[in-house]
Amino acid sequence: MEETLTPKEQEILLAIARQAVIDCVCGNGDYVEPREEQSLNVRRGCFVTIKQQGRLRGCIGNFQSELPLFKEVAAMVRASATCDPRFYPMKEEDLADFTIEISVLSPLEKIDDIEQIVIGRHGIYLEKGFYRGVLLPQVATERQWDRLTFLKQTCLKAGLASDAWKAEDCEIYLFAAQVFGEEENLC
């Protein structure tokens, strides 16, 4: 895993994300104040998850970014709020109750042996033909999945059969994430 963010840097990113959701939903544009912190200006992938009442409300991300991390977080949280096809775009009334979780990602690492997957440490990204699926490391931990269940669920998320990971043309990648978020009772 690349350099980890300090608690203060995590707070800054969470504040940027929260303001980006509010500005986006209220039509106030997408400007994000520049940051001087070096670690917030590196180009790293991230996923941003929005929850309402403890349930998933949106989650979108990128493994790589052409933007500094602080801008990528803002872009991904706006996409989570308005572009996740599983949910309707957030409205002003949704702003009364939501929390944000940010996963800052390490680079993808292709594996040939599923024994390399460590539950709680790795997320899985897999590709088979035009199908792609990703599950963040915390998903397996939250749902108490073992390695095989995690692989099967990643296949299903990609729209594949649960055993597609066994196919010779299925590529499996691992990544780590520094995960942090707002507490449910803060909103």
C-alpha atoms as a PDB file:
ATOM      1  CA  MET A   1       0.000   0.000   0.000  1.00  0.00           C
ATOM      2  CA  GLU A   2       1.257   3.451  -0.830  1.00  0.00           C
ATOM      3  CA  GLU A   3       1.667   6.161   1.785  1.00  0.00           C
ATOM      4  CA  THR A   4      -1.258   6.258   4.193  1.00  0.00           C
ATOM      5  CA  LEU A   5      -3.199   9.403   4.914  1.00  0.00           C
ATOM      6  CA  THR A   6      -3.082  10.987   8.345  1.00  0.00           C
ATOM      7  CA  PRO A   7      -6.281  11.415  10.384  1.00  0.00           C
ATOM      8  CA  LYS A   8      -6.211  15.149   9.524  1.00  0.00           C
ATOM      9  CA  GLU A   9      -5.909  14.425   5.788  1.00  0.00           C
ATOM     10  CA  GLN A  10      -8.778  11.940   6.072  1.00  0.00           C
ATOM     11  CA  GLU A  11     -10.899  14.633   7.742  1.00  0.00           C
ATOM     12  CA  ILE A  12     -10.079  17.064   4.935  1.00  0.00           C
ATOM     13  CA  LEU A  13     -11.110  14.544   2.249  1.00  0.00           C
ATOM     14  CA  LEU A  14     -14.352  13.719   4.077  1.00  0.00           C
ATOM     15  CA  ALA A  15     -15.175  17.434   4.361  1.00  0.00           C
ATOM     16  CA  ILE A  16     -14.418  17.933   0.648  1.00  0.00           C
ATOM     17  CA  ALA A  17     -16.641  14.970  -0.215  1.00  0.00           C
ATOM     18  CA  ARG A  18     -19.541  16.143   1.943  1.00  0.00           C
ATOM     19  CA  GLN A  19     -19.415  19.661   0.495  1.00  0.00           C
ATOM     20  CA  ALA A  20     -19.170  18.261  -3.055  1.00  0.00           C
ATOM     21  CA  VAL A  21     -22.386  16.257  -2.534  1.00  0.00           C
ATOM     22  CA  ILE A  22     -24.214  19.275  -1.144  1.00  0.00           C
ATOM     23  CA  ASP A  23     -22.965  21.584  -3.922  1.00  0.00           C
ATOM     24  CA  CYS A  24     -23.791  19.027  -6.617  1.00  0.00           C
ATOM     25  CA  VAL A  25     -27.316  18.295  -5.375  1.00  0.00           C
ATOM     26  CA  CYS A  26     -28.077  21.990  -4.795  1.00  0.00           C
ATOM     27  CA  GLY A  27     -26.684  23.021  -8.210  1.00  0.00           C
ATOM     28  CA  ASN A  28     -23.802  25.071  -6.771  1.00  0.00           C
ATOM     29  CA  GLY A  29     -21.160  23.863  -9.228  1.00  0.00           C
ATOM     30  CA  ASP A  30     -18.172  21.625  -8.748  1.00  0.00           C
ATOM     31  CA  TYR A  31     -15.357  23.918  -7.614  1.00  0.00           C
ATOM     32  CA  VAL A  32     -12.993  22.429  -5.020  1.00  0.00           C
ATOM     33  CA  GLU A  33     -10.572  24.681  -3.152  1.00  0.00           C
ATOM     34  CA  PRO A  34      -6.950  23.723  -4.006  1.00  0.00           C
ATOM     35  CA  ARG A  35      -5.031  21.857  -1.305  1.00  0.00           C
ATOM     36  CA  GLU A  36      -1.367  22.240  -0.390  1.00  0.00           C
ATOM     37  CA  GLU A  37      -0.921  18.862   1.335  1.00  0.00           C
ATOM     38  CA  GLN A  38       1.388  16.753  -0.839  1.00  0.00           C
ATOM     39  CA  SER A  39      -0.465  13.492  -0.125  1.00  0.00           C
ATOM     40  CA  LEU A  40      -3.769  15.028  -1.280  1.00  0.00           C
ATOM     41  CA  ASN A  41      -2.198  16.108  -4.576  1.00  0.00           C
ATOM     42  CA  VAL A  42      -0.898  12.705  -5.700  1.00  0.00           C
ATOM     43  CA  ARG A  43      -2.793  10.857  -8.404  1.00  0.00           C
ATOM     44  CA  ARG A  44      -4.408   7.819  -6.806  1.00  0.00           C
ATOM     45  CA  GLY A  45      -7.537   5.858  -7.432  1.00  0.00           C
ATOM     46  CA  CYS A  46     -10.408   5.866  -4.972  1.00  0.00           C
ATOM     47  CA  PHE A  47     -13.962   4.702  -4.478  1.00  0.00           C
ATOM     48  CA  VAL A  48     -16.469   6.822  -2.596  1.00  0.00           C
ATOM     49  CA  THR A  49     -19.490   5.225  -0.959  1.00  0.00           C
ATOM     50  CA  ILE A  50     -22.588   7.068   0.193  1.00  0.00           C
ATOM     51  CA  LYS A  51     -24.900   5.440   2.730  1.00  0.00           C
ATOM     52  CA  GLN A  52     -28.298   6.448   4.031  1.00  0.00           C
ATOM     53  CA  GLN A  53     -29.549   4.908   7.264  1.00  0.00           C
ATOM     54  CA  GLY A  54     -26.640   2.476   7.098  1.00  0.00           C
ATOM     55  CA  ARG A  55     -27.562   1.188   3.636  1.00  0.00           C
ATOM     56  CA  LEU A  56     -25.727   1.637   0.362  1.00  0.00           C
ATOM     57  CA  ARG A  57     -26.904   4.730  -1.534  1.00  0.00           C
ATOM     58  CA  GLY A  58     -24.180   4.979  -4.156  1.00  0.00           C
ATOM     59  CA  CYS A  59     -20.621   3.851  -4.793  1.00  0.00           C
ATOM     60  CA  ILE A  60     -18.430   4.814  -7.726  1.00  0.00           C
ATOM     61  CA  GLY A  61     -14.691   4.978  -8.178  1.00  0.00           C
ATOM     62  CA  ASN A  62     -11.620   4.654 -10.369  1.00  0.00           C
ATOM     63  CA  PHE A  63      -8.481   2.570  -9.983  1.00  0.00           C
ATOM     64  CA  GLN A  64      -6.371   5.293 -11.573  1.00  0.00           C
ATOM     65  CA  SER A  65      -6.762   9.024 -11.745  1.00  0.00           C
ATOM     66  CA  GLU A  66      -5.509  11.879 -13.838  1.00  0.00           C
ATOM     67  CA  LEU A  67      -6.629  14.225 -11.048  1.00  0.00           C
ATOM     68  CA  PRO A  68      -5.073  14.985  -7.673  1.00  0.00           C
ATOM     69  CA  LEU A  69      -6.637  12.807  -4.959  1.00  0.00           C
ATOM     70  CA  PHE A  70      -8.681  15.634  -3.416  1.00  0.00           C
ATOM     71  CA  LYS A  71     -10.294  16.394  -6.806  1.00  0.00           C
ATOM     72  CA  GLU A  72     -10.798  12.700  -7.593  1.00  0.00           C
ATOM     73  CA  VAL A  73     -12.643  12.232  -4.289  1.00  0.00           C
ATOM     74  CA  ALA A  74     -14.931  15.158  -5.128  1.00  0.00           C
ATOM     75  CA  ALA A  75     -15.587  13.807  -8.634  1.00  0.00           C
ATOM     76  CA  MET A  76     -16.311  10.267  -7.401  1.00  0.00           C
ATOM     77  CA  VAL A  77     -18.643  11.395  -4.615  1.00  0.00           C
ATOM     78  CA  ARG A  78     -20.612  13.534  -7.094  1.00  0.00           C
ATOM     79  CA  ALA A  79     -20.880  10.493  -9.374  1.00  0.00           C
ATOM     80  CA  SER A  80     -21.945   8.324  -6.416  1.00  0.00           C
ATOM     81  CA  ALA A  81     -24.650  10.837  -5.526  1.00  0.00           C
ATOM     82  CA  THR A  82     -26.039  11.329  -9.009  1.00  0.00           C
ATOM     83  CA  CYS A  83     -24.803   8.681 -11.478  1.00  0.00           C
ATOM     84  CA  ASP A  84     -24.864   5.271  -9.748  1.00  0.00           C
ATOM     85  CA  PRO A  85     -27.352   3.409 -11.981  1.00  0.00           C
ATOM     86  CA  ARG A  86     -28.645   1.406  -9.013  1.00  0.00           C
ATOM     87  CA  PHE A  87     -30.192   4.507  -7.419  1.00  0.00           C
ATOM     88  CA  TYR A  88     -32.041   7.676  -8.366  1.00  0.00           C
ATOM     89  CA  PRO A  89     -29.936  10.859  -8.231  1.00  0.00           C
ATOM     90  CA  MET A  90     -29.850  12.330  -4.740  1.00  0.00           C
ATOM     91  CA  LYS A  91     -32.279  15.161  -4.080  1.00  0.00           C
ATOM     92  CA  GLU A  92     -32.142  17.980  -1.551  1.00  0.00           C
ATOM     93  CA  GLU A  93     -34.276  15.989   0.913  1.00  0.00           C
ATOM     94  CA  ASP A  94     -31.632  13.225   0.841  1.00  0.00           C
ATOM     95  CA  LEU A  95     -29.052  15.649   2.236  1.00  0.00           C
ATOM     96  CA  ALA A  96     -30.615  15.428   5.708  1.00  0.00           C
ATOM     97  CA  ASP A  97     -29.275  11.927   6.290  1.00  0.00           C
ATOM     98  CA  PHE A  98     -26.198  10.504   4.577  1.00  0.00           C
ATOM     99  CA  THR A  99     -22.698   9.377   5.454  1.00  0.00           C
ATOM    100  CA  ILE A 100     -19.584   9.034   3.318  1.00  0.00           C
ATOM    101  CA  GLU A 101     -16.887   6.379   3.217  1.00  0.00           C
ATOM    102  CA  ILE A 102     -13.718   6.807   1.154  1.00  0.00           C
ATOM    103  CA  SER A 103     -11.450   3.988  -0.006  1.00  0.00           C
ATOM    104  CA  VAL A 104      -8.073   5.214  -1.285  1.00  0.00           C
ATOM    105  CA  LEU A 105      -6.611   2.454  -3.440  1.00  0.00           C
ATOM    106  CA  SER A 106      -3.247   0.885  -4.067  1.00  0.00           C
ATOM    107  CA  PRO A 107      -2.326  -0.049  -7.648  1.00  0.00           C
ATOM    108  CA  LEU A 108      -3.842  -3.258  -9.057  1.00  0.00           C
ATOM    109  CA  GLU A 109      -1.716  -6.419  -8.868  1.00  0.00           C
ATOM    110  CA  LYS A 110      -2.524  -9.363 -11.135  1.00  0.00           C
ATOM    111  CA  ILE A 111      -2.467 -12.774  -9.432  1.00  0.00           C
ATOM    112  CA  ASP A 112      -2.379 -16.364 -10.655  1.00  0.00           C
ATOM    113  CA  ASP A 113      -3.111 -18.065  -7.339  1.00  0.00           C
ATOM    114  CA  ILE A 114      -6.286 -17.294  -5.353  1.00  0.00           C
ATOM    115  CA  GLU A 115      -4.423 -18.265  -2.172  1.00  0.00           C
ATOM    116  CA  GLN A 116      -2.873 -14.783  -2.421  1.00  0.00           C
ATOM    117  CA  ILE A 117      -6.242 -13.226  -1.529  1.00  0.00           C
ATOM    118  CA  VAL A 118      -6.300 -12.131   2.102  1.00  0.00           C
ATOM    119  CA  ILE A 119      -9.766 -11.318   3.445  1.00  0.00           C
ATOM    120  CA  GLY A 120      -9.751  -7.951   5.170  1.00  0.00           C
ATOM    121  CA  ARG A 121      -6.659  -6.768   3.289  1.00  0.00           C
ATOM    122  CA  HIS A 122      -7.503  -7.202  -0.403  1.00  0.00           C
ATOM    123  CA  GLY A 123     -10.261  -6.135  -2.716  1.00  0.00           C
ATOM    124  CA  ILE A 124     -10.860  -8.059  -5.926  1.00  0.00           C
ATOM    125  CA  TYR A 125     -11.143  -6.782  -9.473  1.00  0.00           C
ATOM    126  CA  LEU A 126     -11.729  -9.354 -12.186  1.00  0.00           C
ATOM    127  CA  GLU A 127     -12.096  -9.273 -15.956  1.00  0.00           C
ATOM    128  CA  LYS A 128     -13.451 -11.896 -18.324  1.00  0.00           C
ATOM    129  CA  GLY A 129     -14.066 -10.722 -21.859  1.00  0.00           C
ATOM    130  CA  PHE A 130     -16.171  -7.562 -21.672  1.00  0.00           C
ATOM    131  CA  TYR A 131     -17.288  -8.315 -18.103  1.00  0.00           C
ATOM    132  CA  ARG A 132     -15.724  -6.605 -15.124  1.00  0.00           C
ATOM    133  CA  GLY A 133     -16.500  -6.719 -11.437  1.00  0.00           C
ATOM    134  CA  VAL A 134     -15.015  -5.184  -8.331  1.00  0.00           C
ATOM    135  CA  LEU A 135     -15.639  -5.553  -4.624  1.00  0.00           C
ATOM    136  CA  LEU A 136     -13.802  -3.458  -2.052  1.00  0.00           C
ATOM    137  CA  PRO A 137     -11.875  -5.166   0.772  1.00  0.00           C
ATOM    138  CA  GLN A 138     -14.378  -4.137   3.445  1.00  0.00           C
ATOM    139  CA  VAL A 139     -17.268  -5.918   1.676  1.00  0.00           C
ATOM    140  CA  ALA A 140     -15.911  -9.392   2.470  1.00  0.00           C
ATOM    141  CA  THR A 141     -15.197  -8.407   6.067  1.00  0.00           C
ATOM    142  CA  GLU A 142     -18.612  -6.774   6.639  1.00  0.00           C
ATOM    143  CA  ARG A 143     -20.407  -9.827   5.230  1.00  0.00           C
ATOM    144  CA  GLN A 144     -18.053 -12.343   6.864  1.00  0.00           C
ATOM    145  CA  TRP A 145     -17.244 -14.018   3.557  1.00  0.00           C
ATOM    146  CA  ASP A 146     -14.463 -16.505   3.039  1.00  0.00           C
ATOM    147  CA  ARG A 147     -12.134 -16.339   0.030  1.00  0.00           C
ATOM    148  CA  LEU A 148     -14.319 -18.483  -2.267  1.00  0.00           C
ATOM    149  CA  THR A 149     -17.503 -16.606  -1.419  1.00  0.00           C
ATOM    150  CA  PHE A 150     -15.686 -13.314  -2.093  1.00  0.00           C
ATOM    151  CA  LEU A 151     -14.561 -14.569  -5.522  1.00  0.00           C
ATOM    152  CA  LYS A 152     -18.018 -15.908  -6.379  1.00  0.00           C
ATOM    153  CA  GLN A 153     -19.694 -12.656  -5.378  1.00  0.00           C
ATOM    154  CA  THR A 154     -17.218 -10.631  -7.452  1.00  0.00           C
ATOM    155  CA  CYS A 155     -18.110 -12.801 -10.465  1.00  0.00           C
ATOM    156  CA  LEU A 156     -21.822 -12.245  -9.848  1.00  0.00           C
ATOM    157  CA  LYS A 157     -21.244  -8.497  -9.537  1.00  0.00           C
ATOM    158  CA  ALA A 158     -19.575  -8.631 -12.973  1.00  0.00           C
ATOM    159  CA  GLY A 159     -22.655 -10.334 -14.428  1.00  0.00           C
ATOM    160  CA  LEU A 160     -20.886 -13.678 -14.740  1.00  0.00           C
ATOM    161  CA  ALA A 161     -21.581 -17.150 -13.391  1.00  0.00           C
ATOM    162  CA  SER A 162     -20.302 -17.555  -9.827  1.00  0.00           C
ATOM    163  CA  ASP A 163     -17.558 -19.954 -10.923  1.00  0.00           C
ATOM    164  CA  ALA A 164     -16.286 -17.799 -13.832  1.00  0.00           C
ATOM    165  CA  TRP A 165     -13.141 -17.003 -11.838  1.00  0.00           C
ATOM    166  CA  LYS A 166     -11.932 -20.555 -12.630  1.00  0.00           C
ATOM    167  CA  ALA A 167     -11.859 -19.919 -16.400  1.00  0.00           C
ATOM    168  CA  GLU A 168      -8.464 -19.588 -18.047  1.00  0.00           C
ATOM    169  CA  ASP A 169      -9.427 -16.271 -19.649  1.00  0.00           C
ATOM    170  CA  CYS A 170     -10.542 -14.711 -16.348  1.00  0.00           C
ATOM    171  CA  GLU A 171      -7.976 -12.297 -14.934  1.00  0.00           C
ATOM    172  CA  ILE A 172      -7.964 -11.603 -11.204  1.00  0.00           C
ATOM    173  CA  TYR A 173      -6.369  -8.539  -9.660  1.00  0.00           C
ATOM    174  CA  LEU A 174      -5.918  -7.570  -6.031  1.00  0.00           C
ATOM    175  CA  PHE A 175      -5.686  -4.162  -4.441  1.00  0.00           C
ATOM    176  CA  ALA A 176      -5.527  -2.748  -0.943  1.00  0.00           C
ATOM    177  CA  ALA A 177      -7.431   0.250   0.342  1.00  0.00           C
ATOM    178  CA  GLN A 178      -7.155   2.733   3.154  1.00  0.00           C
ATOM    179  CA  VAL A 179     -10.786   2.989   4.230  1.00  0.00           C
ATOM    180  CA  PHE A 180     -12.200   5.772   6.387  1.00  0.00           C
ATOM    181  CA  GLY A 181     -15.546   7.431   6.797  1.00  0.00           C
ATOM    182  CA  GLU A 182     -17.989   9.472   8.762  1.00  0.00           C
ATOM    183  CA  GLU A 183     -19.736   7.971  11.752  1.00  0.00           C
ATOM    184  CA  GLU A 184     -23.409   7.113  11.258  1.00  0.00           C
ATOM    185  CA  ASN A 185     -24.512   9.268  14.203  1.00  0.00           C
ATOM    186  CA  LEU A 186     -22.808  12.434  12.901  1.00  0.00           C
ATOM    187  CA  CYS A 187     -25.539  13.147  10.363  1.00  0.00           C
END
